Each structure stands twice: as structure tokens, then as C-alpha cells.
Amino acid sequence: MSETTWPWGVGTATGIGSLPGTDVAEAQRVVLGELPDLPHLPELPARGPGADLIGRTGGLLVELPVELYAARWRIAPRPGKDLRRARDLMERDLDQLAEQAEEYAGPVKVQAAGPFTLAASLELPIGGRLLRDPGAVRDLAGSLGEGLRGHVASVARRLPRATVLLQLDEPSLPTVLAGRVPTESGFGTHRAVGSEVARALLHGVIEAAGVPTVVHCCAPDVPLDLIRTAGAAGVALDLDLVTDLDPLGEAIDAGLGLLAGAAPALPPPAGRAPTSAQVADRVRRVWDQLGFPRRQLAEQVVVTPACGLAGASPTYVRTVLAACRDAGRRLAEE
């Protein structure tokens, strides 16, 4: 494996992004308290439109205003109240981050939807998903890259001693590449986006953002090679959805960092959250199967929940984030 400097410390843990509730001040306190080595900007979708993944990211787009229509986000002819609400929510979140983490001097993670999940979710003004228009997808990627550059700069201004890590959420990427995104009628699917086109557009967004970027995909068949060659520093995935270890091993060997989703996002049927020892064992077991040396694990891997925690209880959130944090520290001691 080539020499790599990871944009996180040894034995680190973080969250994926979403948390339950509507109190951003409390959510930020939880994140800073339980994840002191790599905190993230919490997302609280329970606050409603504009706090959801698509609306939140839509508010970052440059010269592509969005609006709600029939409970779906679409490209709008001009900025309106829905866009103002999304941007206002983000500003409040960033102000709260600045207030609580004013002296923080390590890496901090922010999240946004990636270009293909946006394209598969946003609608054109005339109707139909933006994904059906290749030119519109290119314009969207360019707008997103520019918007993320500004967003990263805004975070950096508020936290001048911190370094920013960007996470692009791409749950729809595998279905976009496979041509499995349904049309509006539900009787057909949109044409697949070619791997080379997807790689180039994703690379453009990452390059425009200008900071180390991880791509999060809580789906089977994560396109690891595409993500790595597009310039991502790492990939965030659910270990339980990895059925073929060979592509993951090749990506790690080539230098891709791993945000390992090793703790369930919801309490298991028994109702008991995993312990830090169980979370560490889950990561260690996969790493050993891949055949890499243990000394490399805590450097290249960040421990996370399997996905966002918006559907969990506040008590479970604190417990599972603490378990991830302590699991990372356990792995660093080996």
C-alpha cells in the first residue's frame, strides 16, 4: 500500500450524520461530547423540509434554486421560501457549531448529498427526475461542487483551528450506475449512467470542494473502485452489507480509507446496544479476513454506526456513539 496521510487521527470514531429530535444545540453537545476526535455537524431531519438530506443539500446549490412541490424537491425558476428555509436551518446549525466548538482544533466532518443521489431525487421544472437529462446532471454536479466549496469555506471561517472533512452521501449511486432508478410511472427505469461519466462528475465535485472527501453508501454493491479513482479519501459503508471482501481489500490496499459501519443504527431486537468490545470485534474480524496487519487498522479505519441515527432514541444514540468511540480507542491500543 502507498504511503498515505489520513485526514483523521489514530483510533478515531465518528457518526454518519443524522440524529433524532429537533434541538440542534443538544445534538451538537452530544456529538462533541461522545466523538471528541472527529465530531460532525448533526443533521436533524425531524425538523421538516429543508432539514432532510435533499433539501439541505439543495440549499447549497449555486444558481440552481430548489422548491417543494407535491412533497418533492424540484428545480425552481427563482429562489423562494423553501430555499430560504433550508438555508436558514443550515446557518443556524453552523452558528451552533461555531458557538460550541469555538476552540476545537482537530478534524470536523460535514455531510451533503452526492451528485447522483441528488440527480435521482430532484425533479426538473417540467416534471421527471433530473437524472433523465445528462446535461442537467452535469450542470447539477458543477453547481454542487461550487456550493460545497463555499460551504466548506463557511465552516473553516467559523472554526479557524479545525480542518474540514467532507462526506458525500450517495445511497442511490449503485442504482444509478445499474440503471435501476424507476421512472415516474414506475413502469420503466432511467438509463444507467456510465462508470466513466460518473467517475468524472464525482471527481469534479470532490476537486471543487477542495478538502478530503469520503463517500458514504449504505447499500449493497458499493462501487469502491469508482469512488477511489474519483479521488475520495475514504468510503463509509455498512459492514453487514459487504458480501464480497475482495473489492474492499483491493480498495484498502490501494489507499482508500474506511469508515466502518460496525454498530447497528437501531437497537437490535433484544433492545441492548452493542458494547465497545463487540464493535471493536466486528471491525477486527473483517480486517483480519482481509489479511492486513493489525497495526494498520487504527490508522486507516474510522469506527462508525452502520448508518444515520435519526430513527433511534436519544439514549441509544449516546450509547452507540460512545461504543464506537471506545472501540476506536481499543483498536488503537493493539
Protein backbone atom coordinates (compact mmCIF):
# COMPACT_ATOMS: atom_id res chain seq x y z
CA MET A 1 0.00 0.00 0.00
CA SER A 2 1.27 3.51 -0.83
CA GLU A 3 2.21 5.90 1.98
CA THR A 4 -0.89 7.86 2.95
CA THR A 5 -1.62 10.59 5.47
CA TRP A 6 -5.16 10.12 6.72
CA PRO A 7 -7.36 13.15 7.44
CA TRP A 8 -8.15 11.74 10.89
CA GLY A 9 -6.23 10.58 13.93
CA VAL A 10 -5.38 7.04 15.03
CA GLY A 11 -8.21 5.15 16.72
CA THR A 12 -10.91 7.60 15.66
CA ALA A 13 -14.69 7.25 15.60
CA THR A 14 -17.40 9.47 14.14
CA GLY A 15 -21.09 9.49 13.29
CA ILE A 16 -22.68 9.27 9.86
CA GLY A 17 -24.74 12.45 10.23
CA SER A 18 -28.40 12.28 11.18
CA LEU A 19 -29.68 12.28 14.77
CA PRO A 20 -33.19 12.26 16.28
CA GLY A 21 -35.06 15.29 17.57
CA THR A 22 -35.24 18.96 16.67
CA ASP A 23 -32.86 20.58 19.18
CA VAL A 24 -29.65 21.29 17.25
CA ALA A 25 -27.87 22.69 20.32
CA GLU A 26 -28.39 19.44 22.23
CA ALA A 27 -27.47 17.35 19.19
CA GLN A 28 -24.21 19.26 18.80
CA ARG A 29 -23.43 18.81 22.50
CA VAL A 30 -23.94 15.06 22.16
CA VAL A 31 -21.65 14.85 19.13
CA LEU A 32 -18.87 16.93 20.69
CA GLY A 33 -19.15 15.00 23.95
CA GLU A 34 -19.19 11.48 22.55
CA LEU A 35 -16.99 11.96 19.45
CA PRO A 36 -14.26 14.34 20.56
CA ASP A 37 -11.68 13.24 17.97
CA LEU A 38 -13.85 13.57 14.84
CA PRO A 39 -17.13 15.38 15.56
CA HIS A 40 -19.60 16.05 12.78
CA LEU A 41 -22.27 18.61 12.01
CA PRO A 42 -25.53 16.93 13.11
CA GLU A 43 -28.47 16.64 10.73
CA LEU A 44 -31.95 16.68 12.26
CA PRO A 45 -34.46 15.64 9.57
CA ALA A 46 -37.31 15.68 12.12
CA ARG A 47 -37.30 19.48 11.78
CA GLY A 48 -39.05 19.03 8.45
CA PRO A 49 -38.47 20.22 4.86
CA GLY A 50 -35.09 21.80 4.41
CA ALA A 51 -33.57 19.68 7.16
CA ASP A 52 -33.82 16.49 5.07
CA LEU A 53 -30.84 15.30 3.03
CA ILE A 54 -32.09 16.53 -0.35
CA GLY A 55 -33.48 19.87 0.81
CA ARG A 56 -30.45 20.56 2.97
CA THR A 57 -28.06 19.95 0.09
CA GLY A 58 -30.35 21.73 -2.36
CA GLY A 59 -29.87 24.83 -0.24
CA LEU A 60 -26.14 24.71 -1.03
CA LEU A 61 -26.53 24.66 -4.82
CA VAL A 62 -25.32 27.70 -6.75
CA GLU A 63 -27.65 29.24 -9.35
CA LEU A 64 -29.95 26.22 -9.17
CA PRO A 65 -32.73 27.17 -6.72
CA VAL A 66 -34.95 24.42 -5.37
CA GLU A 67 -38.51 24.33 -4.07
CA LEU A 68 -41.01 21.84 -2.69
CA TYR A 69 -43.80 20.73 -5.00
CA ALA A 70 -46.21 17.94 -4.04
CA ALA A 71 -43.85 16.93 -1.21
CA ARG A 72 -40.90 16.53 -3.60
CA TRP A 73 -37.94 18.79 -4.21
CA ARG A 74 -37.54 20.19 -7.71
CA ILE A 75 -35.53 22.82 -9.56
CA ALA A 76 -37.33 26.16 -9.27
CA PRO A 77 -37.44 29.14 -11.67
CA ARG A 78 -36.34 31.50 -8.87
CA PRO A 79 -35.44 31.41 -5.16
CA GLY A 80 -38.42 31.16 -2.81
CA LYS A 81 -39.47 30.43 0.76
CA ASP A 82 -38.49 26.75 0.67
CA LEU A 83 -34.93 27.62 -0.29
CA ARG A 84 -34.78 30.36 2.34
CA ARG A 85 -35.90 27.90 4.99
CA ALA A 86 -33.25 25.32 4.02
CA ARG A 87 -30.51 27.96 4.07
CA ASP A 88 -31.71 29.42 7.35
CA LEU A 89 -31.63 25.99 9.01
CA MET A 90 -28.08 25.43 7.79
CA GLU A 91 -26.96 28.84 9.04
CA ARG A 92 -28.40 28.10 12.47
CA ASP A 93 -26.58 24.78 12.53
CA LEU A 94 -23.26 26.35 11.57
CA ASP A 95 -23.68 29.10 14.14
CA GLN A 96 -24.34 26.49 16.83
CA LEU A 97 -21.28 24.52 15.74
CA ALA A 98 -19.16 27.68 15.97
CA GLU A 99 -20.52 28.53 19.40
CA GLN A 100 -19.91 25.10 20.92
CA ALA A 101 -16.67 24.17 19.12
CA GLU A 102 -15.00 27.58 19.00
CA GLU A 103 -11.66 26.30 20.32
CA TYR A 104 -11.77 22.91 18.58
CA ALA A 105 -8.52 22.20 16.72
CA GLY A 106 -8.97 18.80 15.04
CA PRO A 107 -10.83 17.40 12.02
CA VAL A 108 -14.58 18.10 11.77
CA LYS A 109 -16.93 16.40 9.31
CA VAL A 110 -19.79 17.90 7.35
CA GLN A 111 -22.22 15.94 5.15
CA ALA A 112 -24.12 16.59 1.92
CA ALA A 113 -25.87 14.52 -0.71
CA GLY A 114 -23.66 13.47 -3.60
CA PRO A 115 -24.43 14.42 -7.22
CA PHE A 116 -26.08 11.14 -8.22
CA THR A 117 -28.34 10.83 -5.21
CA LEU A 118 -29.38 14.43 -5.86
CA ALA A 119 -29.98 13.72 -9.55
CA ALA A 120 -32.09 10.67 -8.69
CA SER A 121 -34.18 12.68 -6.21
CA LEU A 122 -34.59 16.20 -7.58
CA GLU A 123 -37.18 16.84 -10.28
CA LEU A 124 -36.98 19.04 -13.33
CA PRO A 125 -39.31 22.07 -13.52
CA ILE A 126 -41.31 20.30 -16.22
CA GLY A 127 -41.53 17.11 -14.17
CA GLY A 128 -39.49 13.94 -14.12
CA ARG A 129 -36.28 13.24 -12.30
CA LEU A 130 -33.29 15.35 -13.20
CA LEU A 131 -31.41 12.09 -13.81
CA ARG A 132 -33.13 11.68 -17.19
CA ASP A 133 -31.27 14.71 -18.64
CA PRO A 134 -27.47 14.15 -18.90
CA GLY A 135 -26.87 17.86 -19.45
CA ALA A 136 -28.84 18.72 -16.34
CA VAL A 137 -26.83 16.17 -14.35
CA ARG A 138 -23.59 17.84 -15.46
CA ASP A 139 -24.95 21.26 -14.50
CA LEU A 140 -26.06 19.89 -11.13
CA ALA A 141 -22.63 18.44 -10.40
CA GLY A 142 -20.98 21.76 -11.25
CA SER A 143 -23.42 23.68 -9.08
CA LEU A 144 -22.94 21.25 -6.20
CA GLY A 145 -19.16 21.47 -6.39
CA GLU A 146 -19.27 25.25 -6.27
CA GLY A 147 -21.77 25.22 -3.43
CA LEU A 148 -19.71 22.75 -1.40
CA ARG A 149 -16.61 24.87 -1.85
CA GLY A 150 -18.50 27.78 -0.29
CA HIS A 151 -19.93 25.59 2.46
CA VAL A 152 -16.50 24.26 3.42
CA ALA A 153 -15.14 27.81 3.47
CA SER A 154 -18.01 28.87 5.74
CA VAL A 155 -17.21 26.08 8.21
CA ALA A 156 -13.49 26.92 8.09
CA ARG A 157 -14.20 30.59 8.87
CA ARG A 158 -16.24 29.62 11.91
CA LEU A 159 -13.69 27.08 13.16
CA PRO A 160 -10.33 28.52 12.11
CA ARG A 161 -8.31 25.96 14.09
CA ALA A 162 -10.15 22.93 12.67
CA THR A 163 -9.69 21.02 9.42
CA VAL A 164 -12.77 20.13 7.39
CA LEU A 165 -13.61 16.64 6.14
CA LEU A 166 -16.49 16.33 3.67
CA GLN A 167 -18.83 13.35 3.44
CA LEU A 168 -20.90 12.88 0.28
CA ASP A 169 -23.95 10.71 0.93
CA GLU A 170 -24.61 8.54 -2.12
CA PRO A 171 -27.20 5.88 -1.23
CA SER A 172 -28.54 5.97 -4.80
CA LEU A 173 -25.19 5.59 -6.57
CA PRO A 174 -25.36 1.80 -7.14
CA THR A 175 -28.89 2.00 -8.59
CA VAL A 176 -27.92 4.95 -10.82
CA LEU A 177 -24.95 3.01 -12.21
CA ALA A 178 -27.07 -0.11 -12.73
CA GLY A 179 -29.95 1.70 -14.44
CA ARG A 180 -32.41 0.71 -11.71
CA VAL A 181 -33.83 4.14 -10.79
CA PRO A 182 -37.56 3.96 -11.64
CA THR A 183 -39.25 6.48 -13.89
CA GLU A 184 -42.22 8.50 -12.65
CA SER A 185 -44.72 5.98 -13.99
CA GLY A 186 -42.98 3.13 -12.23
CA PHE A 187 -43.14 1.04 -15.40
CA GLY A 188 -39.59 1.73 -16.55
CA THR A 189 -36.18 2.80 -15.34
CA HIS A 190 -33.83 5.60 -16.22
CA ARG A 191 -30.85 4.84 -18.42
CA ALA A 192 -27.73 3.86 -16.49
CA VAL A 193 -25.02 6.46 -16.04
CA GLY A 194 -21.75 5.08 -17.41
CA SER A 195 -18.91 4.48 -14.96
CA GLU A 196 -16.53 6.87 -16.73
CA VAL A 197 -19.11 9.66 -16.73
CA ALA A 198 -19.92 9.02 -13.07
CA ARG A 199 -16.24 8.95 -12.14
CA ALA A 200 -15.55 12.24 -13.91
CA LEU A 201 -18.52 14.04 -12.36
CA LEU A 202 -17.80 12.75 -8.87
CA HIS A 203 -14.15 13.71 -9.27
CA GLY A 204 -15.19 17.21 -10.31
CA VAL A 205 -17.31 17.65 -7.19
CA ILE A 206 -14.54 16.36 -4.90
CA GLU A 207 -11.94 18.55 -6.58
CA ALA A 208 -14.16 21.63 -6.36
CA ALA A 209 -14.84 21.09 -2.64
CA GLY A 210 -11.10 21.23 -2.06
CA VAL A 211 -10.93 19.12 1.11
CA PRO A 212 -10.52 15.40 1.85
CA THR A 213 -13.78 13.69 0.98
CA VAL A 214 -15.36 10.37 1.93
CA VAL A 215 -18.28 8.87 0.05
CA HIS A 216 -20.96 7.23 2.18
CA CYS A 217 -23.10 4.50 0.64
CA CYS A 218 -25.34 2.37 2.88
CA ALA A 219 -26.28 -0.02 0.08
CA PRO A 220 -25.04 -3.32 -1.31
CA ASP A 221 -22.66 -3.24 -4.29
CA VAL A 222 -20.81 -0.08 -3.31
CA PRO A 223 -18.67 0.88 -6.38
CA LEU A 224 -15.42 1.01 -4.45
CA ASP A 225 -13.04 1.33 -7.39
CA LEU A 226 -15.05 4.18 -8.89
CA ILE A 227 -15.10 6.01 -5.55
CA ARG A 228 -11.36 5.56 -5.06
CA THR A 229 -10.36 6.61 -8.56
CA ALA A 230 -12.66 9.63 -8.40
CA GLY A 231 -10.34 10.99 -5.73
CA ALA A 232 -12.14 10.13 -2.49
CA ALA A 233 -10.01 9.79 0.62
CA GLY A 234 -12.31 7.14 2.04
CA VAL A 235 -15.57 5.25 1.82
CA ALA A 236 -18.20 4.88 4.53
CA LEU A 237 -20.23 1.66 4.40
CA ASP A 238 -22.23 -0.80 6.46
CA LEU A 239 -20.03 -3.83 7.18
CA ASP A 240 -23.11 -6.08 7.29
CA LEU A 241 -23.83 -5.29 3.62
CA VAL A 242 -20.36 -6.28 2.40
CA THR A 243 -20.80 -9.70 0.79
CA ASP A 244 -17.59 -9.79 -1.28
CA LEU A 245 -14.45 -8.82 0.58
CA ASP A 246 -12.11 -8.85 -2.41
CA PRO A 247 -13.09 -5.42 -3.84
CA LEU A 248 -12.87 -3.90 -0.36
CA GLY A 249 -9.45 -5.41 0.17
CA GLU A 250 -8.23 -4.09 -3.18
CA ALA A 251 -9.52 -0.60 -2.40
CA ILE A 252 -7.90 -0.55 1.05
CA ASP A 253 -4.64 -1.87 -0.38
CA ALA A 254 -4.72 0.94 -2.95
CA GLY A 255 -5.00 3.50 -0.17
CA LEU A 256 -8.71 4.10 0.38
CA GLY A 257 -9.66 4.92 3.97
CA LEU A 258 -12.57 3.06 5.54
CA LEU A 259 -15.33 4.43 7.73
CA ALA A 260 -16.50 1.08 9.01
CA GLY A 261 -20.19 0.91 9.93
CA ALA A 262 -19.90 -1.60 12.76
CA ALA A 263 -22.76 -0.76 15.14
CA PRO A 264 -26.47 -1.01 14.25
CA ALA A 265 -28.26 2.28 13.59
CA LEU A 266 -31.29 0.97 15.52
CA PRO A 267 -31.37 -1.15 18.68
CA PRO A 268 -31.29 -4.87 17.93
CA PRO A 269 -34.42 -6.94 18.71
CA ALA A 270 -33.08 -7.72 22.17
CA GLY A 271 -33.04 -3.99 22.79
CA ARG A 272 -29.46 -3.77 24.03
CA ALA A 273 -26.87 -1.58 22.36
CA PRO A 274 -23.54 -3.20 21.45
CA THR A 275 -20.59 -2.75 23.78
CA SER A 276 -17.35 -1.17 22.66
CA ALA A 277 -15.73 -4.62 22.78
CA GLN A 278 -18.38 -6.02 20.41
CA VAL A 279 -17.99 -3.10 18.00
CA ALA A 280 -14.20 -3.45 18.03
CA ASP A 281 -14.51 -7.20 17.42
CA ARG A 282 -16.77 -6.55 14.41
CA VAL A 283 -14.19 -4.29 12.80
CA ARG A 284 -11.27 -6.50 13.75
CA ARG A 285 -12.93 -9.60 12.32
CA VAL A 286 -13.39 -8.03 8.88
CA TRP A 287 -9.89 -6.59 8.93
CA ASP A 288 -8.37 -9.97 9.76
CA GLN A 289 -10.38 -11.60 6.96
CA LEU A 290 -8.92 -9.04 4.58
CA GLY A 291 -5.44 -10.05 5.72
CA PHE A 292 -4.00 -6.66 6.59
CA PRO A 293 -1.69 -6.11 9.57
CA ARG A 294 -3.35 -5.02 12.79
CA ARG A 295 -1.01 -2.01 13.18
CA GLN A 296 -2.54 -0.53 10.03
CA LEU A 297 -6.15 -0.87 11.20
CA ALA A 298 -6.43 2.04 13.63
CA GLU A 299 -4.74 4.39 11.15
CA GLN A 300 -6.81 3.62 8.08
CA VAL A 301 -10.17 2.83 9.69
CA VAL A 302 -12.66 5.10 11.46
CA VAL A 303 -15.36 3.35 13.52
CA THR A 304 -18.95 4.50 12.88
CA PRO A 305 -22.55 3.35 13.27
CA ALA A 306 -23.86 1.47 10.24
CA CYS A 307 -25.89 4.47 9.06
CA GLY A 308 -27.60 7.61 10.33
CA LEU A 309 -29.27 7.55 13.75
CA ALA A 310 -32.37 9.67 13.08
CA GLY A 311 -34.66 6.73 13.89
CA ALA A 312 -33.03 5.88 17.21
CA SER A 313 -33.81 7.13 20.72
CA PRO A 314 -31.58 9.77 22.33
CA THR A 315 -30.42 7.20 24.88
CA TYR A 316 -29.42 4.72 22.19
CA VAL A 317 -27.62 7.46 20.26
CA ARG A 318 -25.41 8.35 23.20
CA THR A 319 -24.72 4.71 23.96
CA VAL A 320 -23.84 3.66 20.44
CA LEU A 321 -21.65 6.71 19.75
CA ALA A 322 -19.77 6.08 22.98
CA ALA A 323 -19.34 2.43 21.99
CA CYS A 324 -17.88 3.47 18.62
CA ARG A 325 -15.55 5.98 20.30
CA ASP A 326 -14.27 3.45 22.82
CA ALA A 327 -13.97 0.76 20.13
CA GLY A 328 -11.69 3.03 18.13
CA ARG A 329 -9.52 3.58 21.18
CA ARG A 330 -9.39 -0.17 21.85
CA LEU A 331 -8.18 -0.78 18.30
CA ALA A 332 -5.53 1.92 18.67
CA GLU A 333 -4.09 0.17 21.74
CA GLU A 334 -3.42 -3.10 19.90
